[in-house]
Amino acid sequence: MNARKLQIIGGKTYAVTLPKNWVKEANITPKDVIFIEEKDSETLILKTSSSKEKEIDQVFLNTDNYKDNLAQAVFVSYYLGIETIIIYSKKGFDTKTKNMLKKAISQMSGTEIIYEDKNKIKIKTLLDHTKITINQIFFRISLIISELTDNLINSDFDTIENNENEIDRLYNLANKIILHSTKNYGIKRDESIKTPSLALPYFLIAKKLENIGDELYSIANIVKKEKGLIPKIKEPVTILREDIKIKVKHLITNKKTAILKDTAIQSGTLKDKISNIENIGLRIHFDRILKAINDIETEIINISFYEELMEKSII
């Protein structure tokens, strides 16, 4: 291990010298670019331009190779930040495949079909995801969930499906941002995900918020057929809406874990209200929502605890 003293240049810029042998072996010269990757609060990784991760601009997907997994392959390509996804088939697309692709594309924010014929579909990502933060997405999802609960209470069933689809789009965009925050080269890391170790809790929070949207949609399908159930769900729906608001606000404002104790009363009240619901199908969906809310709280506590350890330089 080489030891170097930190120097200050011009009273503002911090600098360290590089080991001479490393510079020679890497074959770098003055004014060459060196990439610095922040791994955690005490670790930096230096890489030369020759070792810089290669960004993939486009990918070709043959429908014959993926069959029923084609949509998932398209999602993975989207998550990886590939700008152009070209899907082709020698036999030509059947109606089922085209509908499956268009449904998948509708759930990927900022993507459009820019070319289509019987053998090829070309998808382009037009949205610069580096301009959006994960906290902005979580806040937007919480607003849509709040609107979904209003839709339920007011029997506005026409809007519910659109809101649920929008949550799916934002969930996929969140996955893309979180994945790219574990990388550093050519990609702006999300300011909230300070280290790759925090990626998993953010992934899980995104998934749980998406699950809540799915469960509210399922509840809507039940009460749409039995509108007499709406008065019975008004109270638990209102409680869960406020609980989710508190938790997301806590996360995006970077509050400390102790504040989350105030939500325990609401969670307990929600559990009591759910137990009083006679319709078994409704009770199952509300139980799943309650579990997702509690899982979100657990991940927020994990994030807060991890950040406290980082601030104290324990990890």
C-alpha atoms as a PDB file:
ATOM      1  CA  MET A   1       0.000   0.000   0.000  1.00  0.00           C
ATOM      2  CA  ASN A   2       1.285   3.447  -0.940  1.00  0.00           C
ATOM      3  CA  ALA A   3       0.881   6.339   1.516  1.00  0.00           C
ATOM      4  CA  ARG A   4       0.569   9.922   0.271  1.00  0.00           C
ATOM      5  CA  LYS A   5       0.088  13.239   2.084  1.00  0.00           C
ATOM      6  CA  LEU A   6      -2.928  15.335   1.095  1.00  0.00           C
ATOM      7  CA  GLN A   7      -1.860  18.635  -0.409  1.00  0.00           C
ATOM      8  CA  ILE A   8      -3.807  21.825  -1.076  1.00  0.00           C
ATOM      9  CA  ILE A   9      -3.247  23.823  -4.250  1.00  0.00           C
ATOM     10  CA  GLY A  10      -4.182  27.476  -4.530  1.00  0.00           C
ATOM     11  CA  GLY A  11      -5.868  27.362  -1.153  1.00  0.00           C
ATOM     12  CA  LYS A  12      -8.929  25.553  -2.599  1.00  0.00           C
ATOM     13  CA  THR A  13      -8.073  22.337  -4.447  1.00  0.00           C
ATOM     14  CA  TYR A  14      -7.058  19.139  -2.662  1.00  0.00           C
ATOM     15  CA  ALA A  15      -4.570  16.843  -4.424  1.00  0.00           C
ATOM     16  CA  VAL A  16      -2.439  13.736  -3.935  1.00  0.00           C
ATOM     17  CA  THR A  17       0.406  12.483  -6.089  1.00  0.00           C
ATOM     18  CA  LEU A  18       0.133   9.163  -7.936  1.00  0.00           C
ATOM     19  CA  PRO A  19       2.640   6.314  -7.530  1.00  0.00           C
ATOM     20  CA  LYS A  20       5.220   6.591 -10.335  1.00  0.00           C
ATOM     21  CA  ASN A  21       5.212   2.857 -11.097  1.00  0.00           C
ATOM     22  CA  TRP A  22       1.397   2.829 -11.440  1.00  0.00           C
ATOM     23  CA  VAL A  23       1.513   5.758 -13.867  1.00  0.00           C
ATOM     24  CA  LYS A  24       4.120   3.969 -16.013  1.00  0.00           C
ATOM     25  CA  GLU A  25       2.277   0.641 -15.992  1.00  0.00           C
ATOM     26  CA  ALA A  26      -1.014   2.328 -16.878  1.00  0.00           C
ATOM     27  CA  ASN A  27       0.773   4.173 -19.684  1.00  0.00           C
ATOM     28  CA  ILE A  28      -0.779   7.526 -18.822  1.00  0.00           C
ATOM     29  CA  THR A  29       0.699  10.948 -19.447  1.00  0.00           C
ATOM     30  CA  PRO A  30      -0.027  14.500 -18.243  1.00  0.00           C
ATOM     31  CA  LYS A  31      -3.552  15.751 -19.159  1.00  0.00           C
ATOM     32  CA  ASP A  32      -4.892  12.192 -19.564  1.00  0.00           C
ATOM     33  CA  VAL A  33      -8.265  11.674 -17.888  1.00  0.00           C
ATOM     34  CA  ILE A  34      -8.444   9.534 -14.758  1.00  0.00           C
ATOM     35  CA  PHE A  35     -11.847   8.362 -13.521  1.00  0.00           C
ATOM     36  CA  ILE A  36     -12.511   8.442  -9.783  1.00  0.00           C
ATOM     37  CA  GLU A  37     -15.208   6.174  -8.358  1.00  0.00           C
ATOM     38  CA  GLU A  38     -16.497   6.822  -4.836  1.00  0.00           C
ATOM     39  CA  LYS A  39     -17.184   3.463  -3.177  1.00  0.00           C
ATOM     40  CA  ASP A  40     -17.927   4.689   0.352  1.00  0.00           C
ATOM     41  CA  SER A  41     -16.901   7.467   2.746  1.00  0.00           C
ATOM     42  CA  GLU A  42     -13.241   6.350   2.865  1.00  0.00           C
ATOM     43  CA  THR A  43     -12.564   4.534  -0.409  1.00  0.00           C
ATOM     44  CA  LEU A  44     -11.829   5.844  -3.903  1.00  0.00           C
ATOM     45  CA  ILE A  45     -11.036   3.740  -6.954  1.00  0.00           C
ATOM     46  CA  LEU A  46      -8.938   5.243  -9.751  1.00  0.00           C
ATOM     47  CA  LYS A  47      -9.255   3.996 -13.307  1.00  0.00           C
ATOM     48  CA  THR A  48      -7.689   5.116 -16.547  1.00  0.00           C
ATOM     49  CA  SER A  49      -9.681   5.895 -19.683  1.00  0.00           C
ATOM     50  CA  SER A  50      -8.664   2.537 -21.148  1.00  0.00           C
ATOM     51  CA  SER A  51     -10.399   0.725 -18.274  1.00  0.00           C
ATOM     52  CA  LYS A  52     -13.492   2.946 -18.333  1.00  0.00           C
ATOM     53  CA  GLU A  53     -16.707   0.967 -18.510  1.00  0.00           C
ATOM     54  CA  LYS A  54     -18.042   0.777 -22.020  1.00  0.00           C
ATOM     55  CA  GLU A  55     -21.514   2.194 -22.421  1.00  0.00           C
ATOM     56  CA  ILE A  56     -23.832   0.211 -24.664  1.00  0.00           C
ATOM     57  CA  ASP A  57     -25.727   2.489 -27.038  1.00  0.00           C
ATOM     58  CA  GLN A  58     -27.959  -0.131 -28.599  1.00  0.00           C
ATOM     59  CA  VAL A  59     -28.926  -3.769 -28.340  1.00  0.00           C
ATOM     60  CA  PHE A  60     -30.536  -6.242 -30.764  1.00  0.00           C
ATOM     61  CA  LEU A  61     -33.116  -8.696 -29.445  1.00  0.00           C
ATOM     62  CA  ASN A  62     -34.257 -11.621 -31.574  1.00  0.00           C
ATOM     63  CA  THR A  63     -37.802 -12.651 -30.630  1.00  0.00           C
ATOM     64  CA  ASP A  64     -37.034 -16.270 -31.539  1.00  0.00           C
ATOM     65  CA  ASN A  65     -34.379 -16.420 -28.784  1.00  0.00           C
ATOM     66  CA  TYR A  66     -36.554 -15.022 -25.984  1.00  0.00           C
ATOM     67  CA  LYS A  67     -40.103 -16.236 -26.699  1.00  0.00           C
ATOM     68  CA  ASP A  68     -42.148 -15.573 -23.528  1.00  0.00           C
ATOM     69  CA  ASN A  69     -39.275 -13.670 -21.854  1.00  0.00           C
ATOM     70  CA  LEU A  70     -39.021 -10.944 -24.493  1.00  0.00           C
ATOM     71  CA  ALA A  71     -40.739  -8.268 -22.406  1.00  0.00           C
ATOM     72  CA  GLN A  72     -38.347  -8.923 -19.514  1.00  0.00           C
ATOM     73  CA  ALA A  73     -35.358  -8.622 -21.857  1.00  0.00           C
ATOM     74  CA  VAL A  74     -36.686  -5.245 -23.009  1.00  0.00           C
ATOM     75  CA  PHE A  75     -37.087  -4.100 -19.382  1.00  0.00           C
ATOM     76  CA  VAL A  76     -33.522  -5.170 -18.514  1.00  0.00           C
ATOM     77  CA  SER A  77     -32.171  -3.276 -21.530  1.00  0.00           C
ATOM     78  CA  TYR A  78     -34.104  -0.211 -20.361  1.00  0.00           C
ATOM     79  CA  TYR A  79     -32.791  -0.539 -16.788  1.00  0.00           C
ATOM     80  CA  LEU A  80     -29.215  -0.752 -18.103  1.00  0.00           C
ATOM     81  CA  GLY A  81     -29.613   2.614 -19.811  1.00  0.00           C
ATOM     82  CA  ILE A  82     -29.374   1.310 -23.374  1.00  0.00           C
ATOM     83  CA  GLU A  83     -30.700   4.132 -25.554  1.00  0.00           C
ATOM     84  CA  THR A  84     -31.818   2.119 -28.574  1.00  0.00           C
ATOM     85  CA  ILE A  85     -33.481  -1.295 -28.363  1.00  0.00           C
ATOM     86  CA  ILE A  86     -33.971  -3.036 -31.716  1.00  0.00           C
ATOM     87  CA  ILE A  87     -36.306  -6.030 -31.722  1.00  0.00           C
ATOM     88  CA  TYR A  88     -36.476  -8.180 -34.811  1.00  0.00           C
ATOM     89  CA  SER A  89     -38.018 -11.409 -36.076  1.00  0.00           C
ATOM     90  CA  LYS A  90     -37.303 -13.236 -39.329  1.00  0.00           C
ATOM     91  CA  LYS A  91     -40.805 -14.701 -39.301  1.00  0.00           C
ATOM     92  CA  GLY A  92     -42.442 -11.374 -38.515  1.00  0.00           C
ATOM     93  CA  PHE A  93     -44.263 -10.316 -35.352  1.00  0.00           C
ATOM     94  CA  ASP A  94     -47.545 -11.949 -34.511  1.00  0.00           C
ATOM     95  CA  THR A  95     -50.309  -9.911 -32.850  1.00  0.00           C
ATOM     96  CA  LYS A  96     -49.629 -11.365 -29.400  1.00  0.00           C
ATOM     97  CA  THR A  97     -45.941 -10.383 -29.496  1.00  0.00           C
ATOM     98  CA  LYS A  98     -46.651  -6.867 -30.753  1.00  0.00           C
ATOM     99  CA  ASN A  99     -49.264  -6.280 -28.048  1.00  0.00           C
ATOM    100  CA  MET A 100     -46.898  -7.626 -25.381  1.00  0.00           C
ATOM    101  CA  LEU A 101     -44.113  -5.297 -26.564  1.00  0.00           C
ATOM    102  CA  LYS A 102     -46.339  -2.243 -26.722  1.00  0.00           C
ATOM    103  CA  LYS A 103     -47.643  -2.932 -23.221  1.00  0.00           C
ATOM    104  CA  ALA A 104     -44.062  -3.202 -21.929  1.00  0.00           C
ATOM    105  CA  ILE A 105     -43.047   0.019 -23.689  1.00  0.00           C
ATOM    106  CA  SER A 106     -46.048   1.831 -22.191  1.00  0.00           C
ATOM    107  CA  GLN A 107     -44.594   1.043 -18.746  1.00  0.00           C
ATOM    108  CA  MET A 108     -41.148   2.522 -19.498  1.00  0.00           C
ATOM    109  CA  SER A 109     -41.036   6.280 -18.951  1.00  0.00           C
ATOM    110  CA  GLY A 110     -39.470   8.289 -21.755  1.00  0.00           C
ATOM    111  CA  THR A 111     -39.452   5.568 -24.426  1.00  0.00           C
ATOM    112  CA  GLU A 112     -41.055   5.702 -27.854  1.00  0.00           C
ATOM    113  CA  ILE A 113     -41.272   3.438 -30.896  1.00  0.00           C
ATOM    114  CA  ILE A 114     -39.419   5.356 -33.613  1.00  0.00           C
ATOM    115  CA  TYR A 115     -39.589   2.694 -36.329  1.00  0.00           C
ATOM    116  CA  GLU A 116     -41.812  -0.301 -36.969  1.00  0.00           C
ATOM    117  CA  ASP A 117     -42.380  -2.774 -39.786  1.00  0.00           C
ATOM    118  CA  LYS A 118     -43.425  -6.432 -39.913  1.00  0.00           C
ATOM    119  CA  ASN A 119     -39.928  -7.681 -38.972  1.00  0.00           C
ATOM    120  CA  LYS A 120     -38.452  -4.916 -36.810  1.00  0.00           C
ATOM    121  CA  ILE A 121     -39.404  -2.557 -34.004  1.00  0.00           C
ATOM    122  CA  LYS A 122     -36.979   0.150 -32.910  1.00  0.00           C
ATOM    123  CA  ILE A 123     -37.394   1.678 -29.441  1.00  0.00           C
ATOM    124  CA  LYS A 124     -35.635   4.871 -28.392  1.00  0.00           C
ATOM    125  CA  THR A 125     -35.185   6.252 -24.865  1.00  0.00           C
ATOM    126  CA  LEU A 126     -35.751  10.011 -25.035  1.00  0.00           C
ATOM    127  CA  LEU A 127     -35.773  10.799 -21.312  1.00  0.00           C
ATOM    128  CA  ASP A 128     -32.529  11.838 -19.585  1.00  0.00           C
ATOM    129  CA  HIS A 129     -32.962   9.955 -16.305  1.00  0.00           C
ATOM    130  CA  THR A 130     -29.985  11.766 -14.730  1.00  0.00           C
ATOM    131  CA  LYS A 131     -32.191  14.867 -14.434  1.00  0.00           C
ATOM    132  CA  ILE A 132     -34.582  13.016 -12.100  1.00  0.00           C
ATOM    133  CA  THR A 133     -33.832  11.888  -8.548  1.00  0.00           C
ATOM    134  CA  ILE A 134     -35.120   8.797  -6.784  1.00  0.00           C
ATOM    135  CA  ASN A 135     -36.711  10.987  -4.110  1.00  0.00           C
ATOM    136  CA  GLN A 136     -38.667  12.894  -6.747  1.00  0.00           C
ATOM    137  CA  ILE A 137     -40.000   9.567  -8.031  1.00  0.00           C
ATOM    138  CA  PHE A 138     -40.963   8.347  -4.559  1.00  0.00           C
ATOM    139  CA  PHE A 139     -42.728  11.644  -3.859  1.00  0.00           C
ATOM    140  CA  ARG A 140     -44.599  11.423  -7.167  1.00  0.00           C
ATOM    141  CA  ILE A 141     -45.663   7.826  -6.445  1.00  0.00           C
ATOM    142  CA  SER A 142     -46.936   8.852  -2.999  1.00  0.00           C
ATOM    143  CA  LEU A 143     -49.038  11.590  -4.628  1.00  0.00           C
ATOM    144  CA  ILE A 144     -50.500   9.097  -7.110  1.00  0.00           C
ATOM    145  CA  ILE A 145     -51.272   6.645  -4.292  1.00  0.00           C
ATOM    146  CA  SER A 146     -53.025   9.493  -2.490  1.00  0.00           C
ATOM    147  CA  GLU A 147     -55.023  10.211  -5.646  1.00  0.00           C
ATOM    148  CA  LEU A 148     -55.819   6.489  -5.995  1.00  0.00           C
ATOM    149  CA  THR A 149     -57.331   6.458  -2.504  1.00  0.00           C
ATOM    150  CA  ASP A 150     -59.449   9.509  -3.416  1.00  0.00           C
ATOM    151  CA  ASN A 151     -60.525   7.700  -6.592  1.00  0.00           C
ATOM    152  CA  LEU A 152     -61.664   4.754  -4.466  1.00  0.00           C
ATOM    153  CA  ILE A 153     -63.607   6.838  -1.958  1.00  0.00           C
ATOM    154  CA  ASN A 154     -65.270   8.892  -4.725  1.00  0.00           C
ATOM    155  CA  SER A 155     -65.981   5.869  -6.989  1.00  0.00           C
ATOM    156  CA  ASP A 156     -63.851   7.391  -9.766  1.00  0.00           C
ATOM    157  CA  PHE A 157     -63.025   4.027 -11.309  1.00  0.00           C
ATOM    158  CA  ASP A 158     -62.146   5.403 -14.765  1.00  0.00           C
ATOM    159  CA  THR A 159     -59.067   7.189 -13.383  1.00  0.00           C
ATOM    160  CA  ILE A 160     -57.817   4.335 -11.190  1.00  0.00           C
ATOM    161  CA  GLU A 161     -56.321   2.218 -13.975  1.00  0.00           C
ATOM    162  CA  ASN A 162     -54.438   5.213 -15.432  1.00  0.00           C
ATOM    163  CA  ASN A 163     -52.965   6.024 -12.030  1.00  0.00           C
ATOM    164  CA  GLU A 164     -51.945   2.402 -11.441  1.00  0.00           C
ATOM    165  CA  ASN A 165     -50.223   2.317 -14.851  1.00  0.00           C
ATOM    166  CA  GLU A 166     -48.388   5.542 -14.011  1.00  0.00           C
ATOM    167  CA  ILE A 167     -47.069   3.960 -10.797  1.00  0.00           C
ATOM    168  CA  ASP A 168     -45.763   1.033 -12.881  1.00  0.00           C
ATOM    169  CA  ARG A 169     -43.935   3.460 -15.203  1.00  0.00           C
ATOM    170  CA  LEU A 170     -42.395   5.315 -12.290  1.00  0.00           C
ATOM    171  CA  TYR A 171     -41.387   2.029 -10.640  1.00  0.00           C
ATOM    172  CA  ASN A 172     -39.476   0.981 -13.759  1.00  0.00           C
ATOM    173  CA  LEU A 173     -37.819   4.400 -13.955  1.00  0.00           C
ATOM    174  CA  ALA A 174     -36.856   4.103 -10.279  1.00  0.00           C
ATOM    175  CA  ASN A 175     -35.204   0.744 -10.976  1.00  0.00           C
ATOM    176  CA  LYS A 176     -33.235   2.323 -13.796  1.00  0.00           C
ATOM    177  CA  ILE A 177     -32.008   5.208 -11.620  1.00  0.00           C
ATOM    178  CA  ILE A 178     -31.096   2.938  -8.693  1.00  0.00           C
ATOM    179  CA  LEU A 179     -29.193   0.538 -10.948  1.00  0.00           C
ATOM    180  CA  HIS A 180     -27.197   3.373 -12.488  1.00  0.00           C
ATOM    181  CA  SER A 181     -26.410   4.743  -9.048  1.00  0.00           C
ATOM    182  CA  THR A 182     -24.353   1.614  -8.411  1.00  0.00           C
ATOM    183  CA  LYS A 183     -22.168   2.617 -11.344  1.00  0.00           C
ATOM    184  CA  ASN A 184     -20.118   5.768 -11.742  1.00  0.00           C
ATOM    185  CA  TYR A 185     -18.735   6.103 -15.226  1.00  0.00           C
ATOM    186  CA  GLY A 186     -20.532   8.550 -17.496  1.00  0.00           C
ATOM    187  CA  ILE A 187     -23.581   8.422 -15.234  1.00  0.00           C
ATOM    188  CA  LYS A 188     -24.548  10.906 -12.555  1.00  0.00           C
ATOM    189  CA  ARG A 189     -25.055   9.020  -9.306  1.00  0.00           C
ATOM    190  CA  ASP A 190     -28.280   9.836  -7.453  1.00  0.00           C
ATOM    191  CA  GLU A 191     -27.433  12.070  -4.496  1.00  0.00           C
ATOM    192  CA  SER A 192     -29.574  10.005  -2.098  1.00  0.00           C
ATOM    193  CA  ILE A 193     -27.858   6.689  -2.902  1.00  0.00           C
ATOM    194  CA  LYS A 194     -24.476   7.581  -1.481  1.00  0.00           C
ATOM    195  CA  THR A 195     -23.055   4.074  -1.757  1.00  0.00           C
ATOM    196  CA  PRO A 196     -23.972   0.907  -3.677  1.00  0.00           C
ATOM    197  CA  SER A 197     -24.826  -0.680  -0.317  1.00  0.00           C
ATOM    198  CA  LEU A 198     -27.929   1.538  -0.193  1.00  0.00           C
ATOM    199  CA  ALA A 199     -29.221   0.341  -3.568  1.00  0.00           C
ATOM    200  CA  LEU A 200     -31.065  -2.698  -2.167  1.00  0.00           C
ATOM    201  CA  PRO A 201     -33.173  -0.765   0.389  1.00  0.00           C
ATOM    202  CA  TYR A 202     -34.159   1.718  -2.331  1.00  0.00           C
ATOM    203  CA  PHE A 203     -35.012  -1.147  -4.709  1.00  0.00           C
ATOM    204  CA  LEU A 204     -37.218  -2.712  -2.030  1.00  0.00           C
ATOM    205  CA  ILE A 205     -38.994   0.575  -1.213  1.00  0.00           C
ATOM    206  CA  ALA A 206     -39.733   1.119  -4.913  1.00  0.00           C
ATOM    207  CA  LYS A 207     -41.123  -2.420  -5.195  1.00  0.00           C
ATOM    208  CA  LYS A 208     -43.309  -2.061  -2.100  1.00  0.00           C
ATOM    209  CA  LEU A 209     -44.774   1.231  -3.352  1.00  0.00           C
ATOM    210  CA  GLU A 210     -45.544  -0.473  -6.663  1.00  0.00           C
ATOM    211  CA  ASN A 211     -47.161  -3.360  -4.750  1.00  0.00           C
ATOM    212  CA  ILE A 212     -49.406  -0.913  -2.898  1.00  0.00           C
ATOM    213  CA  GLY A 213     -50.574   0.518  -6.226  1.00  0.00           C
ATOM    214  CA  ASP A 214     -51.394  -3.013  -7.449  1.00  0.00           C
ATOM    215  CA  GLU A 215     -53.342  -3.843  -4.275  1.00  0.00           C
ATOM    216  CA  LEU A 216     -55.363  -0.610  -4.438  1.00  0.00           C
ATOM    217  CA  TYR A 217     -56.224  -1.467  -8.046  1.00  0.00           C
ATOM    218  CA  SER A 218     -57.412  -4.919  -6.920  1.00  0.00           C
ATOM    219  CA  ILE A 219     -59.507  -3.319  -4.157  1.00  0.00           C
ATOM    220  CA  ALA A 220     -61.045  -1.018  -6.769  1.00  0.00           C
ATOM    221  CA  ASN A 221     -62.073  -4.020  -8.873  1.00  0.00           C
ATOM    222  CA  ILE A 222     -63.898  -5.510  -5.873  1.00  0.00           C
ATOM    223  CA  VAL A 223     -65.758  -2.372  -4.757  1.00  0.00           C
ATOM    224  CA  LYS A 224     -66.644  -1.518  -8.358  1.00  0.00           C
ATOM    225  CA  LYS A 225     -68.829  -4.643  -8.377  1.00  0.00           C
ATOM    226  CA  GLU A 226     -70.139  -4.040  -4.849  1.00  0.00           C
ATOM    227  CA  LYS A 227     -70.401  -0.264  -4.367  1.00  0.00           C
ATOM    228  CA  GLY A 228     -71.992  -0.830  -0.951  1.00  0.00           C
ATOM    229  CA  LEU A 229     -68.481  -1.684   0.310  1.00  0.00           C
ATOM    230  CA  ILE A 230     -67.120   1.831  -0.334  1.00  0.00           C
ATOM    231  CA  PRO A 231     -68.254   3.358   3.009  1.00  0.00           C
ATOM    232  CA  LYS A 232     -66.609   0.428   4.822  1.00  0.00           C
ATOM    233  CA  ILE A 233     -63.185   1.024   3.251  1.00  0.00           C
ATOM    234  CA  LYS A 234     -63.159   4.824   3.569  1.00  0.00           C
ATOM    235  CA  GLU A 235     -61.502   4.870   6.997  1.00  0.00           C
ATOM    236  CA  PRO A 236     -58.714   2.305   6.382  1.00  0.00           C
ATOM    237  CA  VAL A 237     -57.977   3.861   2.980  1.00  0.00           C
ATOM    238  CA  THR A 238     -57.639   7.309   4.569  1.00  0.00           C
ATOM    239  CA  ILE A 239     -55.329   5.976   7.291  1.00  0.00           C
ATOM    240  CA  LEU A 240     -53.025   4.133   4.894  1.00  0.00           C
ATOM    241  CA  ARG A 241     -52.828   7.208   2.651  1.00  0.00           C
ATOM    242  CA  GLU A 242     -51.604   9.387   5.520  1.00  0.00           C
ATOM    243  CA  ASP A 243     -49.224   6.678   6.758  1.00  0.00           C
ATOM    244  CA  ILE A 244     -47.569   6.405   3.342  1.00  0.00           C
ATOM    245  CA  LYS A 245     -47.277  10.207   3.100  1.00  0.00           C
ATOM    246  CA  ILE A 246     -45.474  10.355   6.447  1.00  0.00           C
ATOM    247  CA  LYS A 247     -43.043   7.585   5.563  1.00  0.00           C
ATOM    248  CA  VAL A 248     -42.146   8.963   2.120  1.00  0.00           C
ATOM    249  CA  LYS A 249     -41.751  12.493   3.527  1.00  0.00           C
ATOM    250  CA  HIS A 250     -39.499  11.059   6.227  1.00  0.00           C
ATOM    251  CA  LEU A 251     -37.354   9.352   3.581  1.00  0.00           C
ATOM    252  CA  ILE A 252     -36.987  12.266   1.152  1.00  0.00           C
ATOM    253  CA  THR A 253     -36.303  14.861   3.866  1.00  0.00           C
ATOM    254  CA  ASN A 254     -33.634  12.611   5.412  1.00  0.00           C
ATOM    255  CA  LYS A 255     -35.171  12.634   8.896  1.00  0.00           C
ATOM    256  CA  LYS A 256     -33.785  10.459  11.656  1.00  0.00           C
ATOM    257  CA  THR A 257     -35.291   7.091  12.543  1.00  0.00           C
ATOM    258  CA  ALA A 258     -36.913   8.153  15.828  1.00  0.00           C
ATOM    259  CA  ILE A 259     -39.600  10.157  14.017  1.00  0.00           C
ATOM    260  CA  LEU A 260     -40.937   6.943  12.495  1.00  0.00           C
ATOM    261  CA  LYS A 261     -42.122   5.853  15.947  1.00  0.00           C
ATOM    262  CA  ASP A 262     -45.027   8.299  15.529  1.00  0.00           C
ATOM    263  CA  THR A 263     -46.400   6.153  12.704  1.00  0.00           C
ATOM    264  CA  ALA A 264     -46.701   3.076  14.915  1.00  0.00           C
ATOM    265  CA  ILE A 265     -50.047   4.333  16.257  1.00  0.00           C
ATOM    266  CA  GLN A 266     -51.392   4.739  12.732  1.00  0.00           C
ATOM    267  CA  SER A 267     -50.214   1.267  11.735  1.00  0.00           C
ATOM    268  CA  GLY A 268     -51.908  -0.208  14.783  1.00  0.00           C
ATOM    269  CA  THR A 269     -55.128   1.668  14.026  1.00  0.00           C
ATOM    270  CA  LEU A 270     -55.005   0.516  10.398  1.00  0.00           C
ATOM    271  CA  LYS A 271     -54.561  -3.091  11.522  1.00  0.00           C
ATOM    272  CA  ASP A 272     -57.649  -2.786  13.736  1.00  0.00           C
ATOM    273  CA  LYS A 273     -59.730  -1.288  10.929  1.00  0.00           C
ATOM    274  CA  ILE A 274     -58.652  -4.029   8.517  1.00  0.00           C
ATOM    275  CA  SER A 275     -59.638  -6.754  10.988  1.00  0.00           C
ATOM    276  CA  ASN A 276     -63.176  -5.323  11.018  1.00  0.00           C
ATOM    277  CA  ILE A 277     -63.604  -5.696   7.234  1.00  0.00           C
ATOM    278  CA  GLU A 278     -65.978  -8.582   6.599  1.00  0.00           C
ATOM    279  CA  ASN A 279     -65.225  -9.093   2.900  1.00  0.00           C
ATOM    280  CA  ILE A 280     -62.371 -11.644   2.836  1.00  0.00           C
ATOM    281  CA  GLY A 281     -61.008 -10.493  -0.543  1.00  0.00           C
ATOM    282  CA  LEU A 282     -60.783  -6.881   0.630  1.00  0.00           C
ATOM    283  CA  ARG A 283     -59.179  -7.917   3.910  1.00  0.00           C
ATOM    284  CA  ILE A 284     -56.472  -9.889   2.075  1.00  0.00           C
ATOM    285  CA  HIS A 285     -55.551  -6.900  -0.123  1.00  0.00           C
ATOM    286  CA  PHE A 286     -55.514  -4.497   2.837  1.00  0.00           C
ATOM    287  CA  ASP A 287     -53.323  -6.933   4.813  1.00  0.00           C
ATOM    288  CA  ARG A 288     -50.846  -6.953   1.913  1.00  0.00           C
ATOM    289  CA  ILE A 289     -50.833  -3.155   1.863  1.00  0.00           C
ATOM    290  CA  LEU A 290     -50.188  -3.046   5.612  1.00  0.00           C
ATOM    291  CA  LYS A 291     -47.284  -5.482   5.222  1.00  0.00           C
ATOM    292  CA  ALA A 292     -45.832  -3.371   2.386  1.00  0.00           C
ATOM    293  CA  ILE A 293     -46.100  -0.210   4.525  1.00  0.00           C
ATOM    294  CA  ASN A 294     -44.303  -1.931   7.409  1.00  0.00           C
ATOM    295  CA  ASP A 295     -41.614  -3.231   5.017  1.00  0.00           C
ATOM    296  CA  ILE A 296     -41.079   0.319   3.723  1.00  0.00           C
ATOM    297  CA  GLU A 297     -40.624   1.531   7.291  1.00  0.00           C
ATOM    298  CA  THR A 298     -38.040  -1.199   7.917  1.00  0.00           C
ATOM    299  CA  GLU A 299     -36.023  -0.177   4.846  1.00  0.00           C
ATOM    300  CA  ILE A 300     -36.193   3.520   5.786  1.00  0.00           C
ATOM    301  CA  ILE A 301     -34.808   2.647   9.224  1.00  0.00           C
ATOM    302  CA  ASN A 302     -32.050   0.603   7.558  1.00  0.00           C
ATOM    303  CA  ILE A 303     -31.139   3.551   5.307  1.00  0.00           C
ATOM    304  CA  SER A 304     -31.139   6.029   8.209  1.00  0.00           C
ATOM    305  CA  PHE A 305     -29.029   3.740  10.396  1.00  0.00           C
ATOM    306  CA  TYR A 306     -26.535   3.112   7.599  1.00  0.00           C
ATOM    307  CA  GLU A 307     -26.225   6.859   6.916  1.00  0.00           C
ATOM    308  CA  GLU A 308     -25.636   7.551  10.612  1.00  0.00           C
ATOM    309  CA  LEU A 309     -22.813   5.011  10.625  1.00  0.00           C
ATOM    310  CA  MET A 310     -21.327   6.690   7.551  1.00  0.00           C
ATOM    311  CA  GLU A 311     -21.545  10.137   9.156  1.00  0.00           C
ATOM    312  CA  LYS A 312     -19.708   8.829  12.205  1.00  0.00           C
ATOM    313  CA  SER A 313     -17.114   7.138   9.932  1.00  0.00           C
ATOM    314  CA  ILE A 314     -17.888   3.775  11.519  1.00  0.00           C
ATOM    315  CA  ILE A 315     -18.274   2.233   8.052  1.00  0.00           C
END
